[in-house]
Amino acid sequence: MIRKKGTYKIDIRKQMMGGLGQFVVENILNPDEMHEKGRLFARGTLAPGCTVGYHVHVKDMEICHFLSVSGQVRDQDGVVTTVGAGDTNIVEVGQGHEIVNTGDTDLVYIALILYK
């Protein structure tokens, strides 16, 4: 199967996890297509100044692979790291993170949330 660009289900989530602005989610796979192994495989976009608020992954883990520049990730210890294209944020079960677009263009990344 080929899923063509422009055919993905798009969700617009306002104030995601208590964050600022909106988070645009292009679902590469729908949860029912993940064979009970995970709940999200998507391309996420944060406009300048928008955030995904701090949250903890209790029963799953998340991998965020950044496709564009100008972002920051805050981890469960409060450490803030600048991220850019090619960087990956791995959040294990029990860990938390916040994603912030600090730039003047969209921050785009692939997000994969897997059950552990």
PDB file of N, CA and C in Angstrom:
ATOM      1  N   MET A   1       0.843  -1.179   0.000  1.00  0.00           N
ATOM      2  CA  MET A   1       0.000   0.000   0.000  1.00  0.00           C
ATOM      3  C   MET A   1       0.884   1.237   0.000  1.00  0.00           C
ATOM      4  N   ILE A   2       0.473   2.207  -0.724  1.00  0.00           N
ATOM      5  CA  ILE A   2       1.117   3.515  -0.729  1.00  0.00           C
ATOM      6  C   ILE A   2       0.074   4.517  -0.244  1.00  0.00           C
ATOM      7  N   ARG A   3       0.464   5.305   0.731  1.00  0.00           N
ATOM      8  CA  ARG A   3      -0.403   6.395   1.193  1.00  0.00           C
ATOM      9  C   ARG A   3       0.236   7.682   0.691  1.00  0.00           C
ATOM     10  N   LYS A   4      -0.434   8.356  -0.200  1.00  0.00           N
ATOM     11  CA  LYS A   4       0.119   9.537  -0.845  1.00  0.00           C
ATOM     12  C   LYS A   4       0.027  10.773   0.039  1.00  0.00           C
ATOM     13  N   LYS A   5       1.025  11.636  -0.111  1.00  0.00           N
ATOM     14  CA  LYS A   5       1.016  12.922   0.575  1.00  0.00           C
ATOM     15  C   LYS A   5      -0.311  13.623   0.310  1.00  0.00           C
ATOM     16  N   GLY A   6      -0.847  14.228   1.350  1.00  0.00           N
ATOM     17  CA  GLY A   6      -2.116  14.915   1.211  1.00  0.00           C
ATOM     18  C   GLY A   6      -3.326  14.059   1.531  1.00  0.00           C
ATOM     19  N   THR A   7      -3.105  12.749   1.773  1.00  0.00           N
ATOM     20  CA  THR A   7      -4.233  11.862   2.091  1.00  0.00           C
ATOM     21  C   THR A   7      -4.263  11.462   3.560  1.00  0.00           C
ATOM     22  N   TYR A   8      -3.308  11.922   4.338  1.00  0.00           N
ATOM     23  CA  TYR A   8      -3.258  11.578   5.762  1.00  0.00           C
ATOM     24  C   TYR A   8      -4.377  12.273   6.526  1.00  0.00           C
ATOM     25  N   LYS A   9      -4.907  11.562   7.529  1.00  0.00           N
ATOM     26  CA  LYS A   9      -5.872  12.190   8.431  1.00  0.00           C
ATOM     27  C   LYS A   9      -5.115  13.239   9.246  1.00  0.00           C
ATOM     28  N   ILE A  10      -5.645  14.456   9.284  1.00  0.00           N
ATOM     29  CA  ILE A  10      -4.985  15.547  10.005  1.00  0.00           C
ATOM     30  C   ILE A  10      -5.825  15.930  11.216  1.00  0.00           C
ATOM     31  N   ASP A  11      -5.170  15.988  12.369  1.00  0.00           N
ATOM     32  CA  ASP A  11      -5.784  16.454  13.611  1.00  0.00           C
ATOM     33  C   ASP A  11      -5.112  17.761  14.002  1.00  0.00           C
ATOM     34  N   ILE A  12      -5.898  18.722  14.411  1.00  0.00           N
ATOM     35  CA  ILE A  12      -5.346  19.966  14.947  1.00  0.00           C
ATOM     36  C   ILE A  12      -5.677  19.978  16.432  1.00  0.00           C
ATOM     37  N   ARG A  13      -4.641  19.912  17.240  1.00  0.00           N
ATOM     38  CA  ARG A  13      -4.813  19.828  18.686  1.00  0.00           C
ATOM     39  C   ARG A  13      -4.400  21.153  19.314  1.00  0.00           C
ATOM     40  N   LYS A  14      -5.377  21.819  19.897  1.00  0.00           N
ATOM     41  CA  LYS A  14      -5.108  23.111  20.526  1.00  0.00           C
ATOM     42  C   LYS A  14      -4.587  22.895  21.940  1.00  0.00           C
ATOM     43  N   GLN A  15      -3.586  23.685  22.299  1.00  0.00           N
ATOM     44  CA  GLN A  15      -2.974  23.642  23.630  1.00  0.00           C
ATOM     45  C   GLN A  15      -2.650  22.201  24.043  1.00  0.00           C
ATOM     46  N   MET A  16      -1.939  21.510  23.156  1.00  0.00           N
ATOM     47  CA  MET A  16      -1.572  20.103  23.359  1.00  0.00           C
ATOM     48  C   MET A  16      -0.825  19.926  24.670  1.00  0.00           C
ATOM     49  N   MET A  17      -1.328  19.069  25.516  1.00  0.00           N
ATOM     50  CA  MET A  17      -0.738  18.767  26.827  1.00  0.00           C
ATOM     51  C   MET A  17      -0.527  20.037  27.648  1.00  0.00           C
ATOM     52  N   GLY A  18      -1.401  21.013  27.483  1.00  0.00           N
ATOM     53  CA  GLY A  18      -1.283  22.271  28.214  1.00  0.00           C
ATOM     54  C   GLY A  18      -0.325  23.259  27.586  1.00  0.00           C
ATOM     55  N   GLY A  19       0.117  22.967  26.368  1.00  0.00           N
ATOM     56  CA  GLY A  19       1.060  23.843  25.686  1.00  0.00           C
ATOM     57  C   GLY A  19       0.401  25.065  25.086  1.00  0.00           C
ATOM     58  N   LEU A  20       1.175  25.811  24.325  1.00  0.00           N
ATOM     59  CA  LEU A  20       0.719  27.047  23.690  1.00  0.00           C
ATOM     60  C   LEU A  20       0.395  26.801  22.222  1.00  0.00           C
ATOM     61  N   GLY A  21      -0.650  27.462  21.737  1.00  0.00           N
ATOM     62  CA  GLY A  21      -0.979  27.394  20.319  1.00  0.00           C
ATOM     63  C   GLY A  21      -1.555  26.058  19.912  1.00  0.00           C
ATOM     64  N   GLN A  22      -1.253  25.677  18.675  1.00  0.00           N
ATOM     65  CA  GLN A  22      -1.795  24.417  18.175  1.00  0.00           C
ATOM     66  C   GLN A  22      -0.691  23.519  17.632  1.00  0.00           C
ATOM     67  N   PHE A  23      -0.996  22.229  17.642  1.00  0.00           N
ATOM     68  CA  PHE A  23      -0.103  21.184  17.165  1.00  0.00           C
ATOM     69  C   PHE A  23      -0.835  20.474  16.035  1.00  0.00           C
ATOM     70  N   VAL A  24      -0.264  20.489  14.846  1.00  0.00           N
ATOM     71  CA  VAL A  24      -0.880  19.844  13.692  1.00  0.00           C
ATOM     72  C   VAL A  24      -0.287  18.446  13.561  1.00  0.00           C
ATOM     73  N   VAL A  25      -1.159  17.442  13.574  1.00  0.00           N
ATOM     74  CA  VAL A  25      -0.753  16.039  13.530  1.00  0.00           C
ATOM     75  C   VAL A  25      -1.238  15.418  12.225  1.00  0.00           C
ATOM     76  N   GLU A  26      -0.292  14.990  11.384  1.00  0.00           N
ATOM     77  CA  GLU A  26      -0.621  14.248  10.163  1.00  0.00           C
ATOM     78  C   GLU A  26      -0.356  12.777  10.460  1.00  0.00           C
ATOM     79  N   ASN A  27      -1.420  12.003  10.611  1.00  0.00           N
ATOM     80  CA  ASN A  27      -1.305  10.603  11.010  1.00  0.00           C
ATOM     81  C   ASN A  27      -0.799   9.742   9.855  1.00  0.00           C
ATOM     82  N   ILE A  28       0.450   9.293   9.954  1.00  0.00           N
ATOM     83  CA  ILE A  28       1.023   8.408   8.943  1.00  0.00           C
ATOM     84  C   ILE A  28       0.339   7.047   9.033  1.00  0.00           C
ATOM     85  N   LEU A  29       0.159   6.568  10.260  1.00  0.00           N
ATOM     86  CA  LEU A  29      -0.652   5.378  10.530  1.00  0.00           C
ATOM     87  C   LEU A  29      -1.723   5.755  11.528  1.00  0.00           C
ATOM     88  N   ASN A  30      -2.888   5.165  11.401  1.00  0.00           N
ATOM     89  CA  ASN A  30      -3.921   5.309  12.408  1.00  0.00           C
ATOM     90  C   ASN A  30      -3.662   4.276  13.500  1.00  0.00           C
ATOM     91  N   PRO A  31      -4.092   4.522  14.737  1.00  0.00           N
ATOM     92  CA  PRO A  31      -3.814   3.574  15.824  1.00  0.00           C
ATOM     93  C   PRO A  31      -4.213   2.129  15.510  1.00  0.00           C
ATOM     94  N   ASP A  32      -5.336   1.929  14.822  1.00  0.00           N
ATOM     95  CA  ASP A  32      -5.771   0.563  14.513  1.00  0.00           C
ATOM     96  C   ASP A  32      -4.877  -0.125  13.483  1.00  0.00           C
ATOM     97  N   GLU A  33      -3.990   0.615  12.835  1.00  0.00           N
ATOM     98  CA  GLU A  33      -3.043   0.033  11.872  1.00  0.00           C
ATOM     99  C   GLU A  33      -1.711  -0.331  12.529  1.00  0.00           C
ATOM    100  N   MET A  34      -1.582  -0.088  13.834  1.00  0.00           N
ATOM    101  CA  MET A  34      -0.302  -0.315  14.518  1.00  0.00           C
ATOM    102  C   MET A  34      -0.248  -1.656  15.240  1.00  0.00           C
ATOM    103  N   HIS A  35      -1.203  -2.520  14.976  1.00  0.00           N
ATOM    104  CA  HIS A  35      -1.211  -3.891  15.505  1.00  0.00           C
ATOM    105  C   HIS A  35      -1.009  -3.955  17.014  1.00  0.00           C
ATOM    106  N   GLU A  36      -1.631  -3.012  17.718  1.00  0.00           N
ATOM    107  CA  GLU A  36      -1.593  -2.942  19.182  1.00  0.00           C
ATOM    108  C   GLU A  36      -0.180  -2.756  19.740  1.00  0.00           C
ATOM    109  N   LYS A  37       0.722  -2.253  18.914  1.00  0.00           N
ATOM    110  CA  LYS A  37       2.113  -1.998  19.336  1.00  0.00           C
ATOM    111  C   LYS A  37       2.342  -0.546  19.718  1.00  0.00           C
ATOM    112  N   GLY A  38       1.413   0.332  19.334  1.00  0.00           N
ATOM    113  CA  GLY A  38       1.579   1.741  19.627  1.00  0.00           C
ATOM    114  C   GLY A  38       0.308   2.507  19.338  1.00  0.00           C
ATOM    115  N   ARG A  39       0.371   3.829  19.595  1.00  0.00           N
ATOM    116  CA  ARG A  39      -0.830   4.637  19.403  1.00  0.00           C
ATOM    117  C   ARG A  39      -0.633   5.844  18.500  1.00  0.00           C
ATOM    118  N   LEU A  40       0.623   6.121  18.093  1.00  0.00           N
ATOM    119  CA  LEU A  40       0.843   7.267  17.215  1.00  0.00           C
ATOM    120  C   LEU A  40       2.076   7.059  16.353  1.00  0.00           C
ATOM    121  N   PHE A  41       1.901   7.298  15.066  1.00  0.00           N
ATOM    122  CA  PHE A  41       3.014   7.415  14.121  1.00  0.00           C
ATOM    123  C   PHE A  41       2.595   8.543  13.202  1.00  0.00           C
ATOM    124  N   ALA A  42       3.206   9.718  13.392  1.00  0.00           N
ATOM    125  CA  ALA A  42       2.707  10.922  12.734  1.00  0.00           C
ATOM    126  C   ALA A  42       3.819  11.921  12.466  1.00  0.00           C
ATOM    127  N   ARG A  43       3.481  12.848  11.587  1.00  0.00           N
ATOM    128  CA  ARG A  43       4.317  14.022  11.338  1.00  0.00           C
ATOM    129  C   ARG A  43       3.666  15.162  12.105  1.00  0.00           C
ATOM    130  N   GLY A  44       4.404  15.738  13.027  1.00  0.00           N
ATOM    131  CA  GLY A  44       3.880  16.825  13.841  1.00  0.00           C
ATOM    132  C   GLY A  44       4.487  18.151  13.436  1.00  0.00           C
ATOM    133  N   THR A  45       3.670  19.207  13.478  1.00  0.00           N
ATOM    134  CA  THR A  45       4.133  20.542  13.123  1.00  0.00           C
ATOM    135  C   THR A  45       3.706  21.537  14.194  1.00  0.00           C
ATOM    136  N   LEU A  46       4.692  22.269  14.695  1.00  0.00           N
ATOM    137  CA  LEU A  46       4.448  23.368  15.636  1.00  0.00           C
ATOM    138  C   LEU A  46       4.850  24.670  14.954  1.00  0.00           C
ATOM    139  N   ALA A  47       3.919  25.610  14.879  1.00  0.00           N
ATOM    140  CA  ALA A  47       4.220  26.932  14.325  1.00  0.00           C
ATOM    141  C   ALA A  47       5.126  27.690  15.301  1.00  0.00           C
ATOM    142  N   PRO A  48       5.773  28.752  14.863  1.00  0.00           N
ATOM    143  CA  PRO A  48       6.618  29.543  15.755  1.00  0.00           C
ATOM    144  C   PRO A  48       5.872  29.945  17.033  1.00  0.00           C
ATOM    145  N   GLY A  49       6.530  29.768  18.165  1.00  0.00           N
ATOM    146  CA  GLY A  49       5.958  30.121  19.455  1.00  0.00           C
ATOM    147  C   GLY A  49       5.045  29.069  20.064  1.00  0.00           C
ATOM    148  N   CYS A  50       4.719  28.028  19.319  1.00  0.00           N
ATOM    149  CA  CYS A  50       3.830  26.974  19.829  1.00  0.00           C
ATOM    150  C   CYS A  50       4.634  25.904  20.561  1.00  0.00           C
ATOM    151  N   THR A  51       3.934  25.188  21.463  1.00  0.00           N
ATOM    152  CA  THR A  51       4.584  24.150  22.260  1.00  0.00           C
ATOM    153  C   THR A  51       3.669  22.944  22.422  1.00  0.00           C
ATOM    154  N   VAL A  52       4.296  21.802  22.671  1.00  0.00           N
ATOM    155  CA  VAL A  52       3.608  20.644  23.241  1.00  0.00           C
ATOM    156  C   VAL A  52       4.021  20.674  24.701  1.00  0.00           C
ATOM    157  N   GLY A  53       3.051  20.880  25.591  1.00  0.00           N
ATOM    158  CA  GLY A  53       3.355  21.057  27.005  1.00  0.00           C
ATOM    159  C   GLY A  53       4.005  19.838  27.640  1.00  0.00           C
ATOM    160  N   TYR A  54       4.630  20.075  28.779  1.00  0.00           N
ATOM    161  CA  TYR A  54       5.316  19.003  29.488  1.00  0.00           C
ATOM    162  C   TYR A  54       4.323  17.903  29.852  1.00  0.00           C
ATOM    163  N   HIS A  55       4.713  16.659  29.583  1.00  0.00           N
ATOM    164  CA  HIS A  55       3.899  15.495  29.930  1.00  0.00           C
ATOM    165  C   HIS A  55       4.798  14.289  30.138  1.00  0.00           C
ATOM    166  N   VAL A  56       4.306  13.341  30.923  1.00  0.00           N
ATOM    167  CA  VAL A  56       5.045  12.118  31.252  1.00  0.00           C
ATOM    168  C   VAL A  56       4.408  10.947  30.512  1.00  0.00           C
ATOM    169  N   HIS A  57       5.239  10.091  29.973  1.00  0.00           N
ATOM    170  CA  HIS A  57       4.770   8.875  29.299  1.00  0.00           C
ATOM    171  C   HIS A  57       4.702   7.754  30.335  1.00  0.00           C
ATOM    172  N   VAL A  58       3.477   7.416  30.731  1.00  0.00           N
ATOM    173  CA  VAL A  58       3.271   6.467  31.823  1.00  0.00           C
ATOM    174  C   VAL A  58       3.293   5.022  31.342  1.00  0.00           C
ATOM    175  N   LYS A  59       2.594   4.726  30.249  1.00  0.00           N
ATOM    176  CA  LYS A  59       2.485   3.345  29.762  1.00  0.00           C
ATOM    177  C   LYS A  59       3.048   3.169  28.358  1.00  0.00           C
ATOM    178  N   ASP A  60       3.770   4.172  27.880  1.00  0.00           N
ATOM    179  CA  ASP A  60       4.319   4.098  26.537  1.00  0.00           C
ATOM    180  C   ASP A  60       5.603   4.919  26.470  1.00  0.00           C
ATOM    181  N   MET A  61       6.275   4.814  25.357  1.00  0.00           N
ATOM    182  CA  MET A  61       7.474   5.614  25.110  1.00  0.00           C
ATOM    183  C   MET A  61       7.264   6.395  23.825  1.00  0.00           C
ATOM    184  N   GLU A  62       8.014   7.504  23.666  1.00  0.00           N
ATOM    185  CA  GLU A  62       7.888   8.297  22.447  1.00  0.00           C
ATOM    186  C   GLU A  62       9.260   8.583  21.867  1.00  0.00           C
ATOM    187  N   ILE A  63       9.327   8.478  20.551  1.00  0.00           N
ATOM    188  CA  ILE A  63      10.518   8.850  19.804  1.00  0.00           C
ATOM    189  C   ILE A  63      10.127  10.017  18.909  1.00  0.00           C
ATOM    190  N   CYS A  64      10.836  11.135  19.021  1.00  0.00           N
ATOM    191  CA  CYS A  64      10.593  12.308  18.182  1.00  0.00           C
ATOM    192  C   CYS A  64      11.843  12.548  17.347  1.00  0.00           C
ATOM    193  N   HIS A  65      11.715  12.398  16.038  1.00  0.00           N
ATOM    194  CA  HIS A  65      12.839  12.621  15.134  1.00  0.00           C
ATOM    195  C   HIS A  65      12.581  13.935  14.394  1.00  0.00           C
ATOM    196  N   PHE A  66      13.433  14.913  14.649  1.00  0.00           N
ATOM    197  CA  PHE A  66      13.227  16.272  14.136  1.00  0.00           C
ATOM    198  C   PHE A  66      13.681  16.397  12.688  1.00  0.00           C
ATOM    199  N   LEU A  67      12.814  17.010  11.889  1.00  0.00           N
ATOM    200  CA  LEU A  67      13.071  17.201  10.463  1.00  0.00           C
ATOM    201  C   LEU A  67      13.478  18.623  10.133  1.00  0.00           C
ATOM    202  N   SER A  68      13.242  19.551  11.063  1.00  0.00           N
ATOM    203  CA  SER A  68      13.605  20.949  10.835  1.00  0.00           C
ATOM    204  C   SER A  68      14.266  21.521  12.087  1.00  0.00           C
ATOM    205  N   VAL A  69      14.722  22.726  11.993  1.00  0.00           N
ATOM    206  CA  VAL A  69      15.544  23.327  13.055  1.00  0.00           C
ATOM    207  C   VAL A  69      14.723  24.202  13.994  1.00  0.00           C
ATOM    208  N   SER A  70      15.410  24.788  14.944  1.00  0.00           N
ATOM    209  CA  SER A  70      14.865  25.825  15.815  1.00  0.00           C
ATOM    210  C   SER A  70      13.873  25.325  16.850  1.00  0.00           C
ATOM    211  N   GLY A  71      14.271  24.333  17.602  1.00  0.00           N
ATOM    212  CA  GLY A  71      13.408  23.863  18.671  1.00  0.00           C
ATOM    213  C   GLY A  71      14.191  23.561  19.929  1.00  0.00           C
ATOM    214  N   GLN A  72      13.437  23.356  20.999  1.00  0.00           N
ATOM    215  CA  GLN A  72      14.033  22.955  22.265  1.00  0.00           C
ATOM    216  C   GLN A  72      13.186  21.848  22.877  1.00  0.00           C
ATOM    217  N   VAL A  73      13.859  20.969  23.605  1.00  0.00           N
ATOM    218  CA  VAL A  73      13.203  19.921  24.378  1.00  0.00           C
ATOM    219  C   VAL A  73      13.624  20.089  25.829  1.00  0.00           C
ATOM    220  N   ARG A  74      12.627  20.077  26.727  1.00  0.00           N
ATOM    221  CA  ARG A  74      12.905  20.073  28.171  1.00  0.00           C
ATOM    222  C   ARG A  74      12.575  18.686  28.680  1.00  0.00           C
ATOM    223  N   ASP A  75      13.527  18.058  29.382  1.00  0.00           N
ATOM    224  CA  ASP A  75      13.288  16.705  29.875  1.00  0.00           C
ATOM    225  C   ASP A  75      12.777  16.709  31.310  1.00  0.00           C
ATOM    226  N   GLN A  76      12.624  15.512  31.875  1.00  0.00           N
ATOM    227  CA  GLN A  76      12.054  15.345  33.214  1.00  0.00           C
ATOM    228  C   GLN A  76      12.927  15.952  34.305  1.00  0.00           C
ATOM    229  N   ASP A  77      14.183  16.188  34.025  1.00  0.00           N
ATOM    230  CA  ASP A  77      15.091  16.803  35.000  1.00  0.00           C
ATOM    231  C   ASP A  77      15.166  18.316  34.835  1.00  0.00           C
ATOM    232  N   GLY A  78      14.379  18.858  33.888  1.00  0.00           N
ATOM    233  CA  GLY A  78      14.393  20.292  33.642  1.00  0.00           C
ATOM    234  C   GLY A  78      15.496  20.748  32.701  1.00  0.00           C
ATOM    235  N   VAL A  79      16.253  19.800  32.155  1.00  0.00           N
ATOM    236  CA  VAL A  79      17.340  20.137  31.232  1.00  0.00           C
ATOM    237  C   VAL A  79      16.746  20.513  29.881  1.00  0.00           C
ATOM    238  N   VAL A  80      17.147  21.678  29.358  1.00  0.00           N
ATOM    239  CA  VAL A  80      16.671  22.159  28.062  1.00  0.00           C
ATOM    240  C   VAL A  80      17.781  21.955  27.043  1.00  0.00           C
ATOM    241  N   THR A  81      17.420  21.290  25.931  1.00  0.00           N
ATOM    242  CA  THR A  81      18.381  21.005  24.874  1.00  0.00           C
ATOM    243  C   THR A  81      17.853  21.552  23.561  1.00  0.00           C
ATOM    244  N   THR A  82      18.695  22.280  22.837  1.00  0.00           N
ATOM    245  CA  THR A  82      18.335  22.754  21.506  1.00  0.00           C
ATOM    246  C   THR A  82      18.419  21.581  20.543  1.00  0.00           C
ATOM    247  N   VAL A  83      17.386  21.445  19.695  1.00  0.00           N
ATOM    248  CA  VAL A  83      17.347  20.351  18.726  1.00  0.00           C
ATOM    249  C   VAL A  83      17.180  20.908  17.326  1.00  0.00           C
ATOM    250  N   GLY A  84      17.643  20.132  16.363  1.00  0.00           N
ATOM    251  CA  GLY A  84      17.527  20.519  14.968  1.00  0.00           C
ATOM    252  C   GLY A  84      17.368  19.310  14.086  1.00  0.00           C
ATOM    253  N   ALA A  85      17.348  19.535  12.793  1.00  0.00           N
ATOM    254  CA  ALA A  85      17.152  18.477  11.812  1.00  0.00           C
ATOM    255  C   ALA A  85      18.139  17.337  12.045  1.00  0.00           C
ATOM    256  N   GLY A  86      17.602  16.132  12.132  1.00  0.00           N
ATOM    257  CA  GLY A  86      18.420  14.939  12.331  1.00  0.00           C
ATOM    258  C   GLY A  86      18.562  14.515  13.776  1.00  0.00           C
ATOM    259  N   ASP A  87      18.169  15.362  14.733  1.00  0.00           N
ATOM    260  CA  ASP A  87      18.229  15.000  16.154  1.00  0.00           C
ATOM    261  C   ASP A  87      17.006  14.170  16.525  1.00  0.00           C
ATOM    262  N   THR A  88      17.167  13.311  17.534  1.00  0.00           N
ATOM    263  CA  THR A  88      16.080  12.446  17.990  1.00  0.00           C
ATOM    264  C   THR A  88      15.958  12.529  19.499  1.00  0.00           C
ATOM    265  N   ASN A  89      14.737  12.739  19.976  1.00  0.00           N
ATOM    266  CA  ASN A  89      14.419  12.755  21.412  1.00  0.00           C
ATOM    267  C   ASN A  89      13.744  11.426  21.741  1.00  0.00           C
ATOM    268  N   ILE A  90      14.362  10.639  22.633  1.00  0.00           N
ATOM    269  CA  ILE A  90      13.825   9.344  23.040  1.00  0.00           C
ATOM    270  C   ILE A  90      13.353   9.474  24.480  1.00  0.00           C
ATOM    271  N   VAL A  91      12.045   9.249  24.680  1.00  0.00           N
ATOM    272  CA  VAL A  91      11.425   9.399  25.993  1.00  0.00           C
ATOM    273  C   VAL A  91      10.936   8.025  26.437  1.00  0.00           C
ATOM    274  N   GLU A  92      11.612   7.456  27.426  1.00  0.00           N
ATOM    275  CA  GLU A  92      11.264   6.117  27.915  1.00  0.00           C
ATOM    276  C   GLU A  92      10.045   6.168  28.831  1.00  0.00           C
ATOM    277  N   VAL A  93       9.464   5.010  29.105  1.00  0.00           N
ATOM    278  CA  VAL A  93       8.343   4.903  30.027  1.00  0.00           C
ATOM    279  C   VAL A  93       8.732   5.541  31.363  1.00  0.00           C
ATOM    280  N   GLY A  94       7.857   6.397  31.893  1.00  0.00           N
ATOM    281  CA  GLY A  94       8.113   7.067  33.159  1.00  0.00           C
ATOM    282  C   GLY A  94       8.850   8.386  33.032  1.00  0.00           C
ATOM    283  N   GLN A  95       9.319   8.708  31.830  1.00  0.00           N
ATOM    284  CA  GLN A  95      10.008   9.973  31.605  1.00  0.00           C
ATOM    285  C   GLN A  95       9.050  10.979  30.964  1.00  0.00           C
ATOM    286  N   GLY A  96       9.425  12.259  31.038  1.00  0.00           N
ATOM    287  CA  GLY A  96       8.600  13.302  30.467  1.00  0.00           C
ATOM    288  C   GLY A  96       9.398  14.235  29.584  1.00  0.00           C
ATOM    289  N   HIS A  97       8.655  15.064  28.828  1.00  0.00           N
ATOM    290  CA  HIS A  97       9.308  16.057  27.969  1.00  0.00           C
ATOM    291  C   HIS A  97       8.323  17.123  27.539  1.00  0.00           C
ATOM    292  N   GLU A  98       8.875  18.248  27.088  1.00  0.00           N
ATOM    293  CA  GLU A  98       8.138  19.362  26.498  1.00  0.00           C
ATOM    294  C   GLU A  98       8.878  19.738  25.224  1.00  0.00           C
ATOM    295  N   ILE A  99       8.127  20.085  24.175  1.00  0.00           N
ATOM    296  CA  ILE A  99       8.737  20.487  22.911  1.00  0.00           C
ATOM    297  C   ILE A  99       8.298  21.918  22.607  1.00  0.00           C
ATOM    298  N   VAL A 100       9.274  22.774  22.273  1.00  0.00           N
ATOM    299  CA  VAL A 100       9.020  24.197  22.069  1.00  0.00           C
ATOM    300  C   VAL A 100       9.612  24.620  20.722  1.00  0.00           C
ATOM    301  N   ASN A 101       8.817  25.315  19.924  1.00  0.00           N
ATOM    302  CA  ASN A 101       9.342  25.903  18.702  1.00  0.00           C
ATOM    303  C   ASN A 101       9.875  27.287  19.052  1.00  0.00           C
ATOM    304  N   THR A 102      11.188  27.430  19.037  1.00  0.00           N
ATOM    305  CA  THR A 102      11.838  28.690  19.379  1.00  0.00           C
ATOM    306  C   THR A 102      12.234  29.498  18.147  1.00  0.00           C
ATOM    307  N   GLY A 103      11.955  28.941  16.967  1.00  0.00           N
ATOM    308  CA  GLY A 103      12.393  29.603  15.742  1.00  0.00           C
ATOM    309  C   GLY A 103      11.320  30.460  15.102  1.00  0.00           C
ATOM    310  N   ASP A 104      11.598  30.880  13.868  1.00  0.00           N
ATOM    311  CA  ASP A 104      10.647  31.705  13.135  1.00  0.00           C
ATOM    312  C   ASP A 104      10.038  30.971  11.943  1.00  0.00           C
ATOM    313  N   THR A 105      10.260  29.650  11.884  1.00  0.00           N
ATOM    314  CA  THR A 105       9.614  28.784  10.887  1.00  0.00           C
ATOM    315  C   THR A 105       9.031  27.583  11.625  1.00  0.00           C
ATOM    316  N   ASP A 106       8.231  26.796  10.926  1.00  0.00           N
ATOM    317  CA  ASP A 106       7.612  25.626  11.542  1.00  0.00           C
ATOM    318  C   ASP A 106       8.662  24.637  12.043  1.00  0.00           C
ATOM    319  N   LEU A 107       8.390  24.065  13.212  1.00  0.00           N
ATOM    320  CA  LEU A 107       9.187  22.961  13.750  1.00  0.00           C
ATOM    321  C   LEU A 107       8.445  21.687  13.375  1.00  0.00           C
ATOM    322  N   VAL A 108       9.096  20.810  12.611  1.00  0.00           N
ATOM    323  CA  VAL A 108       8.456  19.607  12.091  1.00  0.00           C
ATOM    324  C   VAL A 108       9.233  18.390  12.569  1.00  0.00           C
ATOM    325  N   TYR A 109       8.484  17.371  13.020  1.00  0.00           N
ATOM    326  CA  TYR A 109       9.135  16.136  13.446  1.00  0.00           C
ATOM    327  C   TYR A 109       8.223  14.939  13.265  1.00  0.00           C
ATOM    328  N   ILE A 110       8.838  13.769  13.196  1.00  0.00           N
ATOM    329  CA  ILE A 110       8.111  12.501  13.164  1.00  0.00           C
ATOM    330  C   ILE A 110       8.003  12.020  14.606  1.00  0.00           C
ATOM    331  N   ALA A 111       6.793  11.668  15.024  1.00  0.00           N
ATOM    332  CA  ALA A 111       6.553  11.171  16.376  1.00  0.00           C
ATOM    333  C   ALA A 111       6.052   9.735  16.288  1.00  0.00           C
ATOM    334  N   LEU A 112       6.661   8.879  17.096  1.00  0.00           N
ATOM    335  CA  LEU A 112       6.255   7.479  17.186  1.00  0.00           C
ATOM    336  C   LEU A 112       6.059   7.153  18.658  1.00  0.00           C
ATOM    337  N   ILE A 113       4.841   6.769  19.027  1.00  0.00           N
ATOM    338  CA  ILE A 113       4.559   6.377  20.415  1.00  0.00           C
ATOM    339  C   ILE A 113       4.249   4.890  20.430  1.00  0.00           C
ATOM    340  N   LEU A 114       5.079   4.148  21.168  1.00  0.00           N
ATOM    341  CA  LEU A 114       4.980   2.691  21.245  1.00  0.00           C
ATOM    342  C   LEU A 114       4.626   2.253  22.656  1.00  0.00           C
ATOM    343  N   TYR A 115       3.818   1.191  22.737  1.00  0.00           N
ATOM    344  CA  TYR A 115       3.537   0.586  24.037  1.00  0.00           C
ATOM    345  C   TYR A 115       4.739  -0.207  24.482  1.00  0.00           C
ATOM    346  N   LYS A 116       5.018  -0.164  25.773  1.00  0.00           N
ATOM    347  CA  LYS A 116       6.197  -0.859  26.318  1.00  0.00           C
ATOM    348  C   LYS A 116       5.755  -2.043  27.124  1.00  0.00           C
TER     349      LYS A 116
END
